[in-house]
Each structure stands twice: as C-alpha cells, then as structure tokens.
Amino acid sequence: MILRAPRPESNWSQVRNEIINDPSLSFKATAVLIYILSKPDHWRTSTAHLATVKREGLDAVRTAMGELTRAGYVRTRRYQDALGRWQFETEVYDIPQPVGNAVHKLFIDGPPHREKPRGENGDVLVKTEKVKTRKGLASSKTTGPHLCGQCQGHGRALENGNPITCPTCNGQGFGN
C-alpha cells in the first residue's frame, strides 16, 4: 500500500489533476511538464538544461518534449530574427492547446490555395522578378508583403517582459 504524506505548509507547487491523470502522457512527460510548470511565469530554459536537472539524459527530455507537443501542452514556433537566422520559441501550457500548424500567422487571410493561385489569393502570393547574374537567371527580388521587422512576423512583441500585440504591424505579422 502507498500512502501520501501530509501536505507541506510552504514551498510547494499546485498543478491541475488533469495533467497528472492525462492517459496520453507517460510518467516521464508528466514529470517534465510538472517541473516546468512549477517555475515562475516567463521562466526560460532549454532541453539541454532540463537534462542536467535530473538523471534523465538529453534524449529522454527530448522524447518527453515531443510527447508534450503531440498532446498540446507544448507549442514551438519557428521564425527568422532581424539578421535572418532561424529562432525557436517554445511555450508550455497547463491546459492542452489545439494541435496544429505553427506557421499559421504567416498568411494574412490563410494560405493560398493551389486551385486558385490568383484572384482571391492575389494579395497573399509573392511575385518574384527574374534578375540576370553572371551564372544565368536567378530569382532574387521579391515584391509583396514582408514580415514585420519588429515582431519577425509573429504579431507579438515584448514590452517590459510581457507579450503585447505588435504596435508596428498591429498583430498582422506584416510590415514595410
């Protein structure tokens, strides 16, 4: 028989029972989720750091994070910074979020349809002009909507450490 000891008066965390009882999560994924949720809001870490906290290795933490992503507790967004480098932003939730495509904000009115490449999707498509180079023709000039330089197309910015709607693009993700 296993009995729970009395609850402590201080220095403890409270989590939703739904997390603990979620049958889609392994004990490993549940433990990683509870550990992250026990930290303050906007706390930052990495899978490499999480692998050093307990005895599980990096592969175990990555497996747990993948499981949490598939269950909707973790969302990762990929974007390019002002220098064009790819960056990743991962958010962890205590309630499962709808699982879907992380790049849905890149389009103003949804992605273009292949059946209708012009017409209703004309504003979304980017036109490319051919430019001559020494080695032949290359596509290098693009016209059309550009990702916002302030929020890198995400539609959110940070003000005093808190996420807000980007004032440059008004949350649309596109700017000049």
Protein backbone atom coordinates (compact mmCIF):
# COMPACT_ATOMS: atom_id res chain seq x y z
CA MET A 1 0.00 0.00 0.00
CA ILE A 2 1.23 3.52 -0.83
CA LEU A 3 0.09 6.43 1.36
CA ARG A 4 0.56 10.14 0.68
CA ALA A 5 2.24 12.08 3.49
CA PRO A 6 0.63 15.31 4.78
CA ARG A 7 0.94 18.36 2.52
CA PRO A 8 3.62 20.92 3.36
CA GLU A 9 2.70 24.42 4.54
CA SER A 10 5.06 26.27 2.13
CA ASN A 11 7.50 25.83 -0.78
CA TRP A 12 5.25 23.61 -2.88
CA SER A 13 3.57 23.69 -6.31
CA GLN A 14 -0.02 23.19 -7.33
CA VAL A 15 -0.87 21.58 -10.68
CA ARG A 16 -4.10 20.57 -12.36
CA ASN A 17 -5.19 17.00 -11.73
CA GLU A 18 -5.92 16.71 -15.47
CA ILE A 19 -2.16 16.89 -16.12
CA ILE A 20 -1.39 14.12 -13.68
CA ASN A 21 -4.28 11.94 -14.87
CA ASP A 22 -3.82 12.52 -18.61
CA PRO A 23 -3.61 8.97 -20.06
CA SER A 24 -1.86 10.23 -23.20
CA LEU A 25 1.24 11.24 -21.18
CA SER A 26 3.94 8.95 -19.83
CA PHE A 27 5.29 9.43 -16.31
CA LYS A 28 8.42 10.95 -17.86
CA ALA A 29 6.48 13.54 -19.88
CA THR A 30 4.24 14.30 -16.89
CA ALA A 31 7.29 14.90 -14.68
CA VAL A 32 8.94 17.22 -17.21
CA LEU A 33 5.69 19.18 -17.59
CA ILE A 34 5.18 19.49 -13.83
CA TYR A 35 8.81 20.59 -13.37
CA ILE A 36 8.46 23.37 -15.98
CA LEU A 37 5.05 24.47 -14.64
CA SER A 38 6.49 24.72 -11.12
CA LYS A 39 8.71 27.59 -12.27
CA PRO A 40 7.65 31.28 -12.40
CA ASP A 41 5.85 32.75 -15.43
CA HIS A 42 8.18 33.53 -18.38
CA TRP A 43 10.93 31.32 -16.90
CA ARG A 44 13.36 30.29 -19.65
CA THR A 45 15.21 27.00 -20.05
CA SER A 46 16.36 24.55 -22.70
CA THR A 47 16.23 20.82 -23.22
CA ALA A 48 19.98 20.74 -22.53
CA HIS A 49 19.44 22.37 -19.14
CA LEU A 50 16.48 20.12 -18.29
CA ALA A 51 18.69 17.09 -18.99
CA THR A 52 21.07 18.25 -16.23
CA VAL A 53 18.37 18.72 -13.59
CA LYS A 54 17.60 15.03 -13.02
CA ARG A 55 19.25 11.79 -14.09
CA GLU A 56 17.43 11.52 -17.45
CA GLY A 57 19.58 12.37 -20.41
CA LEU A 58 19.03 14.74 -23.31
CA ASP A 59 17.30 12.09 -25.45
CA ALA A 60 14.82 11.33 -22.67
CA VAL A 61 13.98 15.03 -22.24
CA ARG A 62 13.59 15.50 -26.00
CA THR A 63 11.31 12.45 -26.15
CA ALA A 64 9.21 13.89 -23.30
CA MET A 65 9.01 17.30 -25.01
CA GLY A 66 7.89 15.62 -28.25
CA GLU A 67 5.20 13.76 -26.35
CA LEU A 68 4.05 17.01 -24.71
CA THR A 69 3.98 18.71 -28.12
CA ARG A 70 1.81 15.96 -29.62
CA ALA A 71 -0.53 16.19 -26.60
CA GLY A 72 -0.85 20.00 -26.99
CA TYR A 73 0.92 21.08 -23.78
CA VAL A 74 3.91 22.47 -25.72
CA ARG A 75 3.91 24.70 -28.80
CA THR A 76 7.05 25.62 -30.72
CA ARG A 77 7.12 28.47 -33.21
CA ARG A 78 9.94 28.91 -35.72
CA TYR A 79 10.76 32.38 -37.02
CA GLN A 80 13.60 34.40 -38.50
CA ASP A 81 15.20 37.17 -36.48
CA ALA A 82 16.25 40.57 -37.88
CA LEU A 83 19.51 39.03 -39.17
CA GLY A 84 17.67 36.21 -40.97
CA ARG A 85 18.71 33.50 -38.51
CA TRP A 86 16.13 30.86 -37.60
CA GLN A 87 14.98 31.05 -33.98
CA PHE A 88 12.62 28.87 -31.96
CA GLU A 89 10.18 29.96 -29.27
CA THR A 90 8.56 27.25 -27.17
CA GLU A 91 5.63 27.85 -24.84
CA VAL A 92 4.43 25.37 -22.22
CA TYR A 93 0.78 25.32 -21.13
CA ASP A 94 -1.05 23.71 -18.21
CA ILE A 95 -4.09 23.05 -20.43
CA PRO A 96 -3.68 21.22 -23.76
CA GLN A 97 -3.90 23.58 -26.73
CA PRO A 98 -5.26 22.63 -30.15
CA VAL A 99 -2.51 20.88 -32.08
CA GLY A 100 -1.95 22.39 -35.50
CA ASN A 101 0.41 24.18 -37.84
CA ALA A 102 2.76 26.58 -36.03
CA VAL A 103 3.18 28.84 -39.08
CA HIS A 104 -0.48 29.83 -39.45
CA LYS A 105 0.25 33.52 -38.72
CA LEU A 106 2.48 33.93 -41.78
CA PHE A 107 -0.56 34.48 -44.00
CA ILE A 108 -2.98 37.37 -43.71
CA ASP A 109 -6.12 35.55 -44.89
CA GLY A 110 -4.96 31.93 -44.75
CA PRO A 111 -2.56 30.10 -47.03
CA PRO A 112 -3.03 30.36 -50.80
CA HIS A 113 -4.96 27.54 -52.49
CA ARG A 114 -3.28 25.69 -55.33
CA GLU A 115 -6.52 25.56 -57.29
CA LYS A 116 -6.81 29.38 -57.25
CA PRO A 117 -3.31 30.84 -57.46
CA ARG A 118 -4.69 34.22 -58.46
CA GLY A 119 -7.87 36.12 -57.69
CA GLU A 120 -8.83 35.84 -54.04
CA ASN A 121 -5.27 34.85 -53.09
CA GLY A 122 -3.55 37.58 -55.10
CA ASP A 123 -2.64 39.70 -52.07
CA VAL A 124 -1.03 36.77 -50.29
CA LEU A 125 1.16 35.47 -53.10
CA VAL A 126 4.62 36.95 -53.52
CA LYS A 127 5.71 37.81 -57.05
CA THR A 128 9.33 37.17 -57.97
CA GLU A 129 11.21 39.03 -60.67
CA LYS A 130 14.00 37.30 -62.58
CA VAL A 131 17.37 39.02 -62.28
CA LYS A 132 20.39 38.35 -64.51
CA THR A 133 23.57 37.24 -62.82
CA ARG A 134 26.94 36.05 -64.16
CA LYS A 135 25.77 32.45 -63.91
CA GLY A 136 22.37 33.00 -65.56
CA LEU A 137 18.93 33.93 -64.31
CA ALA A 138 18.16 33.98 -60.60
CA SER A 139 15.15 34.90 -58.52
CA SER A 140 16.31 37.48 -56.04
CA LYS A 141 13.87 40.38 -55.88
CA THR A 142 10.54 39.82 -54.20
CA THR A 143 7.63 42.17 -54.04
CA GLY A 144 4.56 41.93 -51.87
CA PRO A 145 4.04 41.63 -48.14
CA HIS A 146 7.16 41.47 -45.95
CA LEU A 147 7.43 40.12 -42.44
CA CYS A 148 7.32 42.81 -39.78
CA GLY A 149 10.82 43.77 -38.64
CA GLN A 150 9.66 44.41 -35.07
CA CYS A 151 7.99 41.05 -34.33
CA GLN A 152 9.54 38.95 -37.16
CA GLY A 153 6.05 38.04 -38.42
CA HIS A 154 4.73 36.67 -35.14
CA GLY A 155 2.36 39.58 -34.42
CA ARG A 156 3.54 39.90 -30.82
CA ALA A 157 6.29 41.91 -29.19
CA LEU A 158 7.63 42.16 -25.66
CA GLU A 159 7.12 45.27 -23.54
CA ASN A 160 8.71 45.22 -20.08
CA GLY A 161 8.98 41.44 -20.41
CA ASN A 162 5.26 40.98 -21.18
CA PRO A 163 3.89 39.89 -24.57
CA ILE A 164 1.74 42.51 -26.33
CA THR A 165 0.26 42.93 -29.80
CA CYS A 166 3.00 44.30 -32.05
CA PRO A 167 2.47 48.08 -32.43
CA THR A 168 4.25 48.15 -35.81
CA CYS A 169 2.03 45.66 -37.65
CA ASN A 170 -0.99 45.65 -35.28
CA GLY A 171 -0.63 41.89 -34.82
CA GLN A 172 -0.80 41.06 -38.55
CA GLY A 173 2.86 40.00 -38.83
CA PHE A 174 3.45 42.01 -42.00
CA GLY A 175 5.18 45.37 -42.20
CA ASN A 176 7.11 47.63 -44.54
